[in-house]
Amino acid sequence: EIEQVPPMVSALKFRGERLYELARKGMEVERPARRVTVYGIETA
């Protein structure tokens, strides 16, 4: 279980607007970290 900050260019919303729409305007906003779980990583 790790904390991960979503990329600015993503479909998540900030105050009703998609982050990628804000990014297109040259804006960057603070994105709260989200808890996700990575079960495994293997080199291919």
PDB file of all heavy atoms in Angstrom:
ATOM      1  N   GLU A   1       0.859  -1.188   0.000  1.00  0.00           N
ATOM      2  CA  GLU A   1       0.000   0.000   0.000  1.00  0.00           C
ATOM      3  C   GLU A   1       0.892   1.233   0.000  1.00  0.00           C
ATOM      4  O   GLU A   1       1.713   1.417   0.895  1.00  0.00           O
ATOM      5  CB  GLU A   1      -0.915  -0.005   1.219  1.00  0.00           C
ATOM      6  CG  GLU A   1      -2.009   1.054   1.140  1.00  0.00           C
ATOM      7  CD  GLU A   1      -2.990   0.968   2.292  1.00  0.00           C
ATOM      8  OE1 GLU A   1      -2.696   1.561   3.353  1.00  0.00           O
ATOM      9  OE2 GLU A   1      -4.039   0.312   2.144  1.00  0.00           O
ATOM     10  N   ILE A   2       0.750   2.066  -1.015  1.00  0.00           N
ATOM     11  CA  ILE A   2       1.608   3.241  -1.159  1.00  0.00           C
ATOM     12  C   ILE A   2       0.758   4.482  -1.400  1.00  0.00           C
ATOM     13  O   ILE A   2      -0.430   4.386  -1.754  1.00  0.00           O
ATOM     14  CB  ILE A   2       2.612   3.079  -2.327  1.00  0.00           C
ATOM     15  CG1 ILE A   2       1.854   2.946  -3.670  1.00  0.00           C
ATOM     16  CG2 ILE A   2       3.532   1.890  -2.093  1.00  0.00           C
ATOM     17  CD1 ILE A   2       2.752   2.975  -4.886  1.00  0.00           C
ATOM     18  N   GLU A   3       1.359   5.637  -1.214  1.00  0.00           N
ATOM     19  CA  GLU A   3       0.697   6.900  -1.557  1.00  0.00           C
ATOM     20  C   GLU A   3       1.229   7.361  -2.898  1.00  0.00           C
ATOM     21  O   GLU A   3       2.435   7.331  -3.146  1.00  0.00           O
ATOM     22  CB  GLU A   3       0.942   7.950  -0.472  1.00  0.00           C
ATOM     23  CG  GLU A   3       0.175   7.692   0.802  1.00  0.00           C
ATOM     24  CD  GLU A   3       0.051   8.935   1.666  1.00  0.00           C
ATOM     25  OE1 GLU A   3       0.843   9.889   1.466  1.00  0.00           O
ATOM     26  OE2 GLU A   3      -0.835   8.971   2.541  1.00  0.00           O
ATOM     27  N   GLN A   4       0.321   7.782  -3.758  1.00  0.00           N
ATOM     28  CA  GLN A   4       0.705   8.148  -5.115  1.00  0.00           C
ATOM     29  C   GLN A   4       0.011   9.447  -5.515  1.00  0.00           C
ATOM     30  O   GLN A   4      -1.196   9.599  -5.323  1.00  0.00           O
ATOM     31  CB  GLN A   4       0.292   7.024  -6.071  1.00  0.00           C
ATOM     32  CG  GLN A   4       0.789   7.179  -7.483  1.00  0.00           C
ATOM     33  CD  GLN A   4       0.332   6.021  -8.356  1.00  0.00           C
ATOM     34  OE1 GLN A   4      -0.842   5.903  -8.666  1.00  0.00           O
ATOM     35  NE2 GLN A   4       1.259   5.169  -8.760  1.00  0.00           N
ATOM     36  N   VAL A   5       0.781  10.388  -6.056  1.00  0.00           N
ATOM     37  CA  VAL A   5       0.208  11.647  -6.546  1.00  0.00           C
ATOM     38  C   VAL A   5      -0.156  11.462  -8.023  1.00  0.00           C
ATOM     39  O   VAL A   5       0.714  11.124  -8.834  1.00  0.00           O
ATOM     40  CB  VAL A   5       1.197  12.820  -6.390  1.00  0.00           C
ATOM     41  CG1 VAL A   5       0.611  14.098  -6.976  1.00  0.00           C
ATOM     42  CG2 VAL A   5       1.544  13.034  -4.918  1.00  0.00           C
ATOM     43  N   PRO A   6      -1.412  11.647  -8.397  1.00  0.00           N
ATOM     44  CA  PRO A   6      -1.811  11.484  -9.799  1.00  0.00           C
ATOM     45  C   PRO A   6      -1.108  12.504 -10.690  1.00  0.00           C
ATOM     46  O   PRO A   6      -0.777  13.616 -10.244  1.00  0.00           O
ATOM     47  CB  PRO A   6      -3.317  11.751  -9.775  1.00  0.00           C
ATOM     48  CG  PRO A   6      -3.728  11.576  -8.349  1.00  0.00           C
ATOM     49  CD  PRO A   6      -2.541  12.005  -7.543  1.00  0.00           C
ATOM     50  N   PRO A   7      -0.867  12.159 -11.956  1.00  0.00           N
ATOM     51  CA  PRO A   7      -0.259  13.128 -12.873  1.00  0.00           C
ATOM     52  C   PRO A   7      -1.205  14.301 -13.131  1.00  0.00           C
ATOM     53  O   PRO A   7      -2.421  14.160 -13.034  1.00  0.00           O
ATOM     54  CB  PRO A   7      -0.024  12.308 -14.146  1.00  0.00           C
ATOM     55  CG  PRO A   7      -0.932  11.140 -14.037  1.00  0.00           C
ATOM     56  CD  PRO A   7      -1.109  10.856 -12.587  1.00  0.00           C
ATOM     57  N   MET A   8      -0.627  15.433 -13.454  1.00  0.00           N
ATOM     58  CA  MET A   8      -1.452  16.610 -13.742  1.00  0.00           C
ATOM     59  C   MET A   8      -2.306  16.369 -14.987  1.00  0.00           C
ATOM     60  O   MET A   8      -3.455  16.810 -15.062  1.00  0.00           O
ATOM     61  CB  MET A   8      -0.537  17.837 -13.942  1.00  0.00           C
ATOM     62  CG  MET A   8      -1.297  19.147 -14.090  1.00  0.00           C
ATOM     63  SD  MET A   8      -2.190  19.598 -12.585  1.00  0.00           S
ATOM     64  CE  MET A   8      -3.478  20.642 -13.301  1.00  0.00           C
ATOM     65  N   VAL A   9      -1.757  15.662 -15.949  1.00  0.00           N
ATOM     66  CA  VAL A   9      -2.520  15.341 -17.154  1.00  0.00           C
ATOM     67  C   VAL A   9      -3.282  14.045 -16.888  1.00  0.00           C
ATOM     68  O   VAL A   9      -2.795  12.948 -17.143  1.00  0.00           O
ATOM     69  CB  VAL A   9      -1.596  15.189 -18.382  1.00  0.00           C
ATOM     70  CG1 VAL A   9      -2.418  14.871 -19.630  1.00  0.00           C
ATOM     71  CG2 VAL A   9      -0.802  16.470 -18.605  1.00  0.00           C
ATOM     72  N   SER A  10      -4.477  14.193 -16.309  1.00  0.00           N
ATOM     73  CA  SER A  10      -5.328  13.040 -16.009  1.00  0.00           C
ATOM     74  C   SER A  10      -6.778  13.490 -16.017  1.00  0.00           C
ATOM     75  O   SER A  10      -7.077  14.688 -16.075  1.00  0.00           O
ATOM     76  CB  SER A  10      -4.960  12.432 -14.651  1.00  0.00           C
ATOM     77  OG  SER A  10      -5.285  13.320 -13.601  1.00  0.00           O
ATOM     78  N   ALA A  11      -7.688  12.522 -15.944  1.00  0.00           N
ATOM     79  CA  ALA A  11      -9.122  12.827 -16.039  1.00  0.00           C
ATOM     80  C   ALA A  11      -9.737  13.170 -14.690  1.00  0.00           C
ATOM     81  O   ALA A  11     -10.939  13.438 -14.608  1.00  0.00           O
ATOM     82  CB  ALA A  11      -9.857  11.647 -16.669  1.00  0.00           C
ATOM     83  N   LEU A  12      -8.932  13.162 -13.618  1.00  0.00           N
ATOM     84  CA  LEU A  12      -9.463  13.520 -12.307  1.00  0.00           C
ATOM     85  C   LEU A  12      -9.921  14.977 -12.309  1.00  0.00           C
ATOM     86  O   LEU A  12      -9.423  15.795 -13.089  1.00  0.00           O
ATOM     87  CB  LEU A  12      -8.390  13.320 -11.234  1.00  0.00           C
ATOM     88  CG  LEU A  12      -7.927  11.877 -11.013  1.00  0.00           C
ATOM     89  CD1 LEU A  12      -6.819  11.849  -9.982  1.00  0.00           C
ATOM     90  CD2 LEU A  12      -9.082  10.993 -10.584  1.00  0.00           C
ATOM     91  N   LYS A  13     -10.871  15.286 -11.434  1.00  0.00           N
ATOM     92  CA  LYS A  13     -11.425  16.644 -11.394  1.00  0.00           C
ATOM     93  C   LYS A  13     -10.866  17.450 -10.234  1.00  0.00           C
ATOM     94  O   LYS A  13     -10.580  16.916  -9.157  1.00  0.00           O
ATOM     95  CB  LYS A  13     -12.948  16.584 -11.297  1.00  0.00           C
ATOM     96  CG  LYS A  13     -13.641  16.155 -12.583  1.00  0.00           C
ATOM     97  CD  LYS A  13     -15.147  16.292 -12.478  1.00  0.00           C
ATOM     98  CE  LYS A  13     -15.824  15.972 -13.794  1.00  0.00           C
ATOM     99  NZ  LYS A  13     -17.293  16.129 -13.707  1.00  0.00           N
ATOM    100  N   PHE A  14     -10.705  18.753 -10.485  1.00  0.00           N
ATOM    101  CA  PHE A  14     -10.318  19.716  -9.458  1.00  0.00           C
ATOM    102  C   PHE A  14     -11.294  20.876  -9.556  1.00  0.00           C
ATOM    103  O   PHE A  14     -11.335  21.577 -10.565  1.00  0.00           O
ATOM    104  CB  PHE A  14      -8.872  20.202  -9.672  1.00  0.00           C
ATOM    105  CG  PHE A  14      -8.432  21.262  -8.695  1.00  0.00           C
ATOM    106  CD1 PHE A  14      -8.007  20.912  -7.424  1.00  0.00           C
ATOM    107  CD2 PHE A  14      -8.448  22.605  -9.047  1.00  0.00           C
ATOM    108  CE1 PHE A  14      -7.599  21.878  -6.514  1.00  0.00           C
ATOM    109  CE2 PHE A  14      -8.041  23.584  -8.143  1.00  0.00           C
ATOM    110  CZ  PHE A  14      -7.611  23.217  -6.878  1.00  0.00           C
ATOM    111  N   ARG A  15     -12.137  21.015  -8.505  1.00  0.00           N
ATOM    112  CA  ARG A  15     -13.163  22.065  -8.494  1.00  0.00           C
ATOM    113  C   ARG A  15     -14.013  22.049  -9.765  1.00  0.00           C
ATOM    114  O   ARG A  15     -14.285  23.088 -10.385  1.00  0.00           O
ATOM    115  CB  ARG A  15     -12.524  23.438  -8.294  1.00  0.00           C
ATOM    116  CG  ARG A  15     -11.840  23.578  -6.939  1.00  0.00           C
ATOM    117  CD  ARG A  15     -11.171  24.919  -6.746  1.00  0.00           C
ATOM    118  NE  ARG A  15     -10.517  24.995  -5.455  1.00  0.00           N
ATOM    119  CZ  ARG A  15      -9.745  26.009  -5.061  1.00  0.00           C
ATOM    120  NH1 ARG A  15      -9.539  27.032  -5.879  1.00  0.00           N
ATOM    121  NH2 ARG A  15      -9.180  25.999  -3.874  1.00  0.00           N
ATOM    122  N   GLY A  16     -14.411  20.848 -10.150  1.00  0.00           N
ATOM    123  CA  GLY A  16     -15.329  20.691 -11.275  1.00  0.00           C
ATOM    124  C   GLY A  16     -14.707  20.656 -12.650  1.00  0.00           C
ATOM    125  O   GLY A  16     -15.406  20.483 -13.654  1.00  0.00           O
ATOM    126  N   GLU A  17     -13.390  20.806 -12.724  1.00  0.00           N
ATOM    127  CA  GLU A  17     -12.721  20.826 -14.028  1.00  0.00           C
ATOM    128  C   GLU A  17     -11.689  19.694 -14.096  1.00  0.00           C
ATOM    129  O   GLU A  17     -11.009  19.396 -13.122  1.00  0.00           O
ATOM    130  CB  GLU A  17     -12.025  22.176 -14.232  1.00  0.00           C
ATOM    131  CG  GLU A  17     -11.871  22.553 -15.680  1.00  0.00           C
ATOM    132  CD  GLU A  17     -11.471  24.021 -15.879  1.00  0.00           C
ATOM    133  OE1 GLU A  17     -11.477  24.787 -14.898  1.00  0.00           O
ATOM    134  OE2 GLU A  17     -11.147  24.382 -17.017  1.00  0.00           O
ATOM    135  N   ARG A  18     -11.598  19.043 -15.249  1.00  0.00           N
ATOM    136  CA  ARG A  18     -10.630  17.961 -15.430  1.00  0.00           C
ATOM    137  C   ARG A  18      -9.210  18.507 -15.310  1.00  0.00           C
ATOM    138  O   ARG A  18      -8.919  19.610 -15.798  1.00  0.00           O
ATOM    139  CB  ARG A  18     -10.802  17.313 -16.813  1.00  0.00           C
ATOM    140  CG  ARG A  18     -12.179  16.714 -17.068  1.00  0.00           C
ATOM    141  CD  ARG A  18     -12.381  15.431 -16.319  1.00  0.00           C
ATOM    142  NE  ARG A  18     -13.656  14.799 -16.659  1.00  0.00           N
ATOM    143  CZ  ARG A  18     -14.144  13.730 -16.054  1.00  0.00           C
ATOM    144  NH1 ARG A  18     -13.449  13.162 -15.081  1.00  0.00           N
ATOM    145  NH2 ARG A  18     -15.306  13.225 -16.414  1.00  0.00           N
ATOM    146  N   LEU A  19      -8.342  17.718 -14.687  1.00  0.00           N
ATOM    147  CA  LEU A  19      -6.959  18.163 -14.528  1.00  0.00           C
ATOM    148  C   LEU A  19      -6.289  18.404 -15.877  1.00  0.00           C
ATOM    149  O   LEU A  19      -5.526  19.361 -16.040  1.00  0.00           O
ATOM    150  CB  LEU A  19      -6.161  17.128 -13.725  1.00  0.00           C
ATOM    151  CG  LEU A  19      -6.443  17.055 -12.223  1.00  0.00           C
ATOM    152  CD1 LEU A  19      -5.625  15.944 -11.587  1.00  0.00           C
ATOM    153  CD2 LEU A  19      -6.141  18.391 -11.542  1.00  0.00           C
ATOM    154  N   TYR A  20      -6.573  17.545 -16.867  1.00  0.00           N
ATOM    155  CA  TYR A  20      -5.914  17.743 -18.163  1.00  0.00           C
ATOM    156  C   TYR A  20      -6.370  19.042 -18.833  1.00  0.00           C
ATOM    157  O   TYR A  20      -5.616  19.648 -19.607  1.00  0.00           O
ATOM    158  CB  TYR A  20      -6.122  16.542 -19.086  1.00  0.00           C
ATOM    159  CG  TYR A  20      -7.536  16.260 -19.518  1.00  0.00           C
ATOM    160  CD1 TYR A  20      -8.157  17.030 -20.500  1.00  0.00           C
ATOM    161  CD2 TYR A  20      -8.248  15.198 -18.979  1.00  0.00           C
ATOM    162  CE1 TYR A  20      -9.453  16.765 -20.911  1.00  0.00           C
ATOM    163  CE2 TYR A  20      -9.543  14.922 -19.383  1.00  0.00           C
ATOM    164  CZ  TYR A  20     -10.144  15.715 -20.349  1.00  0.00           C
ATOM    165  OH  TYR A  20     -11.435  15.444 -20.754  1.00  0.00           O
ATOM    166  N   GLU A  21      -7.600  19.492 -18.526  1.00  0.00           N
ATOM    167  CA  GLU A  21      -8.072  20.761 -19.075  1.00  0.00           C
ATOM    168  C   GLU A  21      -7.303  21.927 -18.457  1.00  0.00           C
ATOM    169  O   GLU A  21      -6.958  22.900 -19.154  1.00  0.00           O
ATOM    170  CB  GLU A  21      -9.576  20.914 -18.817  1.00  0.00           C
ATOM    171  CG  GLU A  21     -10.429  19.906 -19.591  1.00  0.00           C
ATOM    172  CD  GLU A  21     -11.881  19.925 -19.183  1.00  0.00           C
ATOM    173  OE1 GLU A  21     -12.181  20.481 -18.097  1.00  0.00           O
ATOM    174  OE2 GLU A  21     -12.722  19.387 -19.914  1.00  0.00           O
ATOM    175  N   LEU A  22      -7.022  21.824 -17.159  1.00  0.00           N
ATOM    176  CA  LEU A  22      -6.216  22.853 -16.492  1.00  0.00           C
ATOM    177  C   LEU A  22      -4.787  22.833 -17.022  1.00  0.00           C
ATOM    178  O   LEU A  22      -4.174  23.895 -17.226  1.00  0.00           O
ATOM    179  CB  LEU A  22      -6.222  22.624 -14.980  1.00  0.00           C
ATOM    180  CG  LEU A  22      -7.579  22.739 -14.274  1.00  0.00           C
ATOM    181  CD1 LEU A  22      -7.443  22.357 -12.808  1.00  0.00           C
ATOM    182  CD2 LEU A  22      -8.125  24.154 -14.398  1.00  0.00           C
ATOM    183  N   ALA A  23      -4.263  21.629 -17.257  1.00  0.00           N
ATOM    184  CA  ALA A  23      -2.894  21.502 -17.763  1.00  0.00           C
ATOM    185  C   ALA A  23      -2.766  22.161 -19.132  1.00  0.00           C
ATOM    186  O   ALA A  23      -1.744  22.780 -19.447  1.00  0.00           O
ATOM    187  CB  ALA A  23      -2.505  20.027 -17.837  1.00  0.00           C
ATOM    188  N   ARG A  24      -3.799  22.021 -19.967  1.00  0.00           N
ATOM    189  CA  ARG A  24      -3.772  22.651 -21.296  1.00  0.00           C
ATOM    190  C   ARG A  24      -3.715  24.170 -21.201  1.00  0.00           C
ATOM    191  O   ARG A  24      -3.220  24.841 -22.100  1.00  0.00           O
ATOM    192  CB  ARG A  24      -5.023  22.244 -22.082  1.00  0.00           C
ATOM    193  CG  ARG A  24      -5.000  20.801 -22.587  1.00  0.00           C
ATOM    194  CD  ARG A  24      -6.323  20.433 -23.194  1.00  0.00           C
ATOM    195  NE  ARG A  24      -6.367  19.030 -23.600  1.00  0.00           N
ATOM    196  CZ  ARG A  24      -7.484  18.377 -23.893  1.00  0.00           C
ATOM    197  NH1 ARG A  24      -8.665  19.005 -23.813  1.00  0.00           N
ATOM    198  NH2 ARG A  24      -7.446  17.107 -24.255  1.00  0.00           N
ATOM    199  N   LYS A  25      -4.210  24.719 -20.082  1.00  0.00           N
ATOM    200  CA  LYS A  25      -4.177  26.163 -19.867  1.00  0.00           C
ATOM    201  C   LYS A  25      -2.862  26.600 -19.221  1.00  0.00           C
ATOM    202  O   LYS A  25      -2.681  27.773 -18.889  1.00  0.00           O
ATOM    203  CB  LYS A  25      -5.339  26.588 -18.962  1.00  0.00           C
ATOM    204  CG  LYS A  25      -6.721  26.297 -19.543  1.00  0.00           C
ATOM    205  CD  LYS A  25      -7.807  26.622 -18.521  1.00  0.00           C
ATOM    206  CE  LYS A  25      -9.187  26.244 -19.036  1.00  0.00           C
ATOM    207  NZ  LYS A  25     -10.240  26.488 -18.011  1.00  0.00           N
ATOM    208  N   GLY A  26      -1.954  25.637 -19.025  1.00  0.00           N
ATOM    209  CA  GLY A  26      -0.662  25.950 -18.418  1.00  0.00           C
ATOM    210  C   GLY A  26      -0.710  26.030 -16.910  1.00  0.00           C
ATOM    211  O   GLY A  26       0.225  26.547 -16.280  1.00  0.00           O
ATOM    212  N   MET A  27      -1.799  25.505 -16.317  1.00  0.00           N
ATOM    213  CA  MET A  27      -1.951  25.564 -14.864  1.00  0.00           C
ATOM    214  C   MET A  27      -1.514  24.249 -14.225  1.00  0.00           C
ATOM    215  O   MET A  27      -1.654  23.186 -14.816  1.00  0.00           O
ATOM    216  CB  MET A  27      -3.413  25.852 -14.493  1.00  0.00           C
ATOM    217  CG  MET A  27      -3.949  27.163 -15.025  1.00  0.00           C
ATOM    218  SD  MET A  27      -5.736  27.310 -14.784  1.00  0.00           S
ATOM    219  CE  MET A  27      -5.872  27.172 -12.996  1.00  0.00           C
ATOM    220  N   GLU A  28      -0.992  24.338 -13.022  1.00  0.00           N
ATOM    221  CA  GLU A  28      -0.701  23.155 -12.223  1.00  0.00           C
ATOM    222  C   GLU A  28      -1.241  23.383 -10.836  1.00  0.00           C
ATOM    223  O   GLU A  28      -1.011  24.430 -10.234  1.00  0.00           O
ATOM    224  CB  GLU A  28       0.797  22.855 -12.175  1.00  0.00           C
ATOM    225  CG  GLU A  28       1.104  21.588 -11.384  1.00  0.00           C
ATOM    226  CD  GLU A  28       2.502  21.050 -11.624  1.00  0.00           C
ATOM    227  OE1 GLU A  28       3.223  21.607 -12.468  1.00  0.00           O
ATOM    228  OE2 GLU A  28       2.858  20.066 -10.959  1.00  0.00           O
ATOM    229  N   VAL A  29      -2.002  22.417 -10.324  1.00  0.00           N
ATOM    230  CA  VAL A  29      -2.619  22.559  -9.011  1.00  0.00           C
ATOM    231  C   VAL A  29      -2.117  21.443  -8.104  1.00  0.00           C
ATOM    232  O   VAL A  29      -1.611  20.423  -8.568  1.00  0.00           O
ATOM    233  CB  VAL A  29      -4.161  22.504  -9.107  1.00  0.00           C
ATOM    234  CG1 VAL A  29      -4.686  23.664  -9.939  1.00  0.00           C
ATOM    235  CG2 VAL A  29      -4.634  21.171  -9.685  1.00  0.00           C
ATOM    236  N   GLU A  30      -2.264  21.660  -6.819  1.00  0.00           N
ATOM    237  CA  GLU A  30      -1.862  20.658  -5.836  1.00  0.00           C
ATOM    238  C   GLU A  30      -2.809  19.463  -5.925  1.00  0.00           C
ATOM    239  O   GLU A  30      -4.032  19.621  -5.896  1.00  0.00           O
ATOM    240  CB  GLU A  30      -1.927  21.267  -4.434  1.00  0.00           C
ATOM    241  CG  GLU A  30      -1.262  20.438  -3.356  1.00  0.00           C
ATOM    242  CD  GLU A  30       0.243  20.549  -3.380  1.00  0.00           C
ATOM    243  OE1 GLU A  30       0.779  21.501  -3.975  1.00  0.00           O
ATOM    244  OE2 GLU A  30       0.886  19.644  -2.805  1.00  0.00           O
ATOM    245  N   ARG A  31      -2.235  18.271  -6.064  1.00  0.00           N
ATOM    246  CA  ARG A  31      -3.063  17.058  -6.113  1.00  0.00           C
ATOM    247  C   ARG A  31      -2.794  16.235  -4.868  1.00  0.00           C
ATOM    248  O   ARG A  31      -1.636  15.896  -4.595  1.00  0.00           O
ATOM    249  CB  ARG A  31      -2.741  16.190  -7.338  1.00  0.00           C
ATOM    250  CG  ARG A  31      -3.271  16.753  -8.649  1.00  0.00           C
ATOM    251  CD  ARG A  31      -2.203  17.432  -9.441  1.00  0.00           C
ATOM    252  NE  ARG A  31      -1.118  16.546  -9.835  1.00  0.00           N
ATOM    253  CZ  ARG A  31       0.101  16.988 -10.140  1.00  0.00           C
ATOM    254  NH1 ARG A  31       0.406  18.273 -10.068  1.00  0.00           N
ATOM    255  NH2 ARG A  31       1.044  16.118 -10.513  1.00  0.00           N
ATOM    256  N   PRO A  32      -3.836  15.942  -4.098  1.00  0.00           N
ATOM    257  CA  PRO A  32      -3.618  15.124  -2.900  1.00  0.00           C
ATOM    258  C   PRO A  32      -3.187  13.713  -3.279  1.00  0.00           C
ATOM    259  O   PRO A  32      -3.641  13.156  -4.280  1.00  0.00           O
ATOM    260  CB  PRO A  32      -4.987  15.121  -2.215  1.00  0.00           C
ATOM    261  CG  PRO A  32      -5.973  15.408  -3.310  1.00  0.00           C
ATOM    262  CD  PRO A  32      -5.251  16.319  -4.262  1.00  0.00           C
ATOM    263  N   ALA A  33      -2.291  13.146  -2.487  1.00  0.00           N
ATOM    264  CA  ALA A  33      -1.854  11.771  -2.728  1.00  0.00           C
ATOM    265  C   ALA A  33      -3.006  10.815  -2.452  1.00  0.00           C
ATOM    266  O   ALA A  33      -3.850  11.071  -1.591  1.00  0.00           O
ATOM    267  CB  ALA A  33      -0.666  11.436  -1.831  1.00  0.00           C
ATOM    268  N   ARG A  34      -3.056   9.736  -3.211  1.00  0.00           N
ATOM    269  CA  ARG A  34      -4.091   8.722  -3.026  1.00  0.00           C
ATOM    270  C   ARG A  34      -3.428   7.404  -2.647  1.00  0.00           C
ATOM    271  O   ARG A  34      -2.336   7.090  -3.130  1.00  0.00           O
ATOM    272  CB  ARG A  34      -4.904   8.547  -4.318  1.00  0.00           C
ATOM    273  CG  ARG A  34      -5.472   9.851  -4.846  1.00  0.00           C
ATOM    274  CD  ARG A  34      -6.555   9.635  -5.865  1.00  0.00           C
ATOM    275  NE  ARG A  34      -6.165   8.740  -6.949  1.00  0.00           N
ATOM    276  CZ  ARG A  34      -7.001   8.347  -7.907  1.00  0.00           C
ATOM    277  NH1 ARG A  34      -8.247   8.758  -7.906  1.00  0.00           N
ATOM    278  NH2 ARG A  34      -6.584   7.545  -8.876  1.00  0.00           N
ATOM    279  N   ARG A  35      -4.113   6.640  -1.817  1.00  0.00           N
ATOM    280  CA  ARG A  35      -3.581   5.345  -1.397  1.00  0.00           C
ATOM    281  C   ARG A  35      -4.002   4.279  -2.398  1.00  0.00           C
ATOM    282  O   ARG A  35      -5.192   4.105  -2.678  1.00  0.00           O
ATOM    283  CB  ARG A  35      -4.058   4.990   0.009  1.00  0.00           C
ATOM    284  CG  ARG A  35      -3.567   5.980   1.057  1.00  0.00           C
ATOM    285  CD  ARG A  35      -3.652   5.401   2.463  1.00  0.00           C
ATOM    286  NE  ARG A  35      -2.638   4.387   2.696  1.00  0.00           N
ATOM    287  CZ  ARG A  35      -1.376   4.646   3.024  1.00  0.00           C
ATOM    288  NH1 ARG A  35      -0.955   5.896   3.111  1.00  0.00           N
ATOM    289  NH2 ARG A  35      -0.523   3.664   3.236  1.00  0.00           N
ATOM    290  N   VAL A  36      -3.024   3.584  -2.940  1.00  0.00           N
ATOM    291  CA  VAL A  36      -3.269   2.489  -3.879  1.00  0.00           C
ATOM    292  C   VAL A  36      -2.411   1.303  -3.439  1.00  0.00           C
ATOM    293  O   VAL A  36      -1.536   1.441  -2.579  1.00  0.00           O
ATOM    294  CB  VAL A  36      -2.923   2.889  -5.329  1.00  0.00           C
ATOM    295  CG1 VAL A  36      -3.801   4.057  -5.788  1.00  0.00           C
ATOM    296  CG2 VAL A  36      -1.445   3.254  -5.468  1.00  0.00           C
ATOM    297  N   THR A  37      -2.662   0.152  -4.034  1.00  0.00           N
ATOM    298  CA  THR A  37      -1.898  -1.036  -3.673  1.00  0.00           C
ATOM    299  C   THR A  37      -1.247  -1.639  -4.913  1.00  0.00           C
ATOM    300  O   THR A  37      -1.921  -1.870  -5.923  1.00  0.00           O
ATOM    301  CB  THR A  37      -2.791  -2.098  -3.005  1.00  0.00           C
ATOM    302  OG1 THR A  37      -3.406  -1.534  -1.848  1.00  0.00           O
ATOM    303  CG2 THR A  37      -1.970  -3.311  -2.589  1.00  0.00           C
ATOM    304  N   VAL A  38       0.045  -1.850  -4.825  1.00  0.00           N
ATOM    305  CA  VAL A  38       0.787  -2.545  -5.883  1.00  0.00           C
ATOM    306  C   VAL A  38       1.135  -3.925  -5.340  1.00  0.00           C
ATOM    307  O   VAL A  38       1.843  -4.051  -4.342  1.00  0.00           O
ATOM    308  CB  VAL A  38       2.063  -1.776  -6.280  1.00  0.00           C
ATOM    309  CG1 VAL A  38       2.857  -2.560  -7.326  1.00  0.00           C
ATOM    310  CG2 VAL A  38       1.705  -0.395  -6.819  1.00  0.00           C
ATOM    311  N   TYR A  39       0.619  -4.960  -5.993  1.00  0.00           N
ATOM    312  CA  TYR A  39       0.811  -6.324  -5.502  1.00  0.00           C
ATOM    313  C   TYR A  39       2.151  -6.917  -5.937  1.00  0.00           C
ATOM    314  O   TYR A  39       2.714  -7.763  -5.234  1.00  0.00           O
ATOM    315  CB  TYR A  39      -0.330  -7.217  -5.990  1.00  0.00           C
ATOM    316  CG  TYR A  39      -1.695  -6.702  -5.602  1.00  0.00           C
ATOM    317  CD1 TYR A  39      -2.566  -6.192  -6.561  1.00  0.00           C
ATOM    318  CD2 TYR A  39      -2.105  -6.697  -4.277  1.00  0.00           C
ATOM    319  CE1 TYR A  39      -3.815  -5.703  -6.213  1.00  0.00           C
ATOM    320  CE2 TYR A  39      -3.351  -6.211  -3.910  1.00  0.00           C
ATOM    321  CZ  TYR A  39      -4.203  -5.713  -4.882  1.00  0.00           C
ATOM    322  OH  TYR A  39      -5.432  -5.224  -4.519  1.00  0.00           O
ATOM    323  N   GLY A  40       2.643  -6.486  -7.072  1.00  0.00           N
ATOM    324  CA  GLY A  40       3.909  -7.026  -7.534  1.00  0.00           C
ATOM    325  C   GLY A  40       4.438  -6.301  -8.761  1.00  0.00           C
ATOM    326  O   GLY A  40       3.668  -5.745  -9.550  1.00  0.00           O
ATOM    327  N   ILE A  41       5.762  -6.267  -8.907  1.00  0.00           N
ATOM    328  CA  ILE A  41       6.440  -5.697 -10.071  1.00  0.00           C
ATOM    329  C   ILE A  41       7.510  -6.693 -10.501  1.00  0.00           C
ATOM    330  O   ILE A  41       8.348  -7.090  -9.686  1.00  0.00           O
ATOM    331  CB  ILE A  41       7.109  -4.343  -9.757  1.00  0.00           C
ATOM    332  CG1 ILE A  41       6.113  -3.362  -9.125  1.00  0.00           C
ATOM    333  CG2 ILE A  41       7.710  -3.734 -11.016  1.00  0.00           C
ATOM    334  CD1 ILE A  41       6.746  -2.054  -8.661  1.00  0.00           C
ATOM    335  N   GLU A  42       7.489  -7.080 -11.760  1.00  0.00           N
ATOM    336  CA  GLU A  42       8.478  -8.029 -12.262  1.00  0.00           C
ATOM    337  C   GLU A  42       9.077  -7.527 -13.571  1.00  0.00           C
ATOM    338  O   GLU A  42       8.350  -7.025 -14.439  1.00  0.00           O
ATOM    339  CB  GLU A  42       7.843  -9.402 -12.499  1.00  0.00           C
ATOM    340  CG  GLU A  42       7.391 -10.099 -11.238  1.00  0.00           C
ATOM    341  CD  GLU A  42       6.872 -11.497 -11.510  1.00  0.00           C
ATOM    342  OE1 GLU A  42       6.879 -11.917 -12.695  1.00  0.00           O
ATOM    343  OE2 GLU A  42       6.452 -12.177 -10.552  1.00  0.00           O
ATOM    344  N   THR A  43      10.384  -7.663 -13.717  1.00  0.00           N
ATOM    345  CA  THR A  43      11.065  -7.253 -14.941  1.00  0.00           C
ATOM    346  C   THR A  43      10.790  -8.251 -16.055  1.00  0.00           C
ATOM    347  O   THR A  43      10.946  -9.453 -15.876  1.00  0.00           O
ATOM    348  CB  THR A  43      12.582  -7.158 -14.707  1.00  0.00           C
ATOM    349  OG1 THR A  43      12.832  -6.178 -13.685  1.00  0.00           O
ATOM    350  CG2 THR A  43      13.312  -6.742 -15.980  1.00  0.00           C
ATOM    351  N   ALA A  44      10.385  -7.728 -17.215  1.00  0.00           N
ATOM    352  CA  ALA A  44      10.188  -8.574 -18.400  1.00  0.00           C
ATOM    353  C   ALA A  44      11.336  -8.407 -19.383  1.00  0.00           C
ATOM    354  O   ALA A  44      11.679  -9.347 -20.107  1.00  0.00           O
ATOM    355  CB  ALA A  44       8.864  -8.227 -19.089  1.00  0.00           C
TER     356      ALA A  44
END
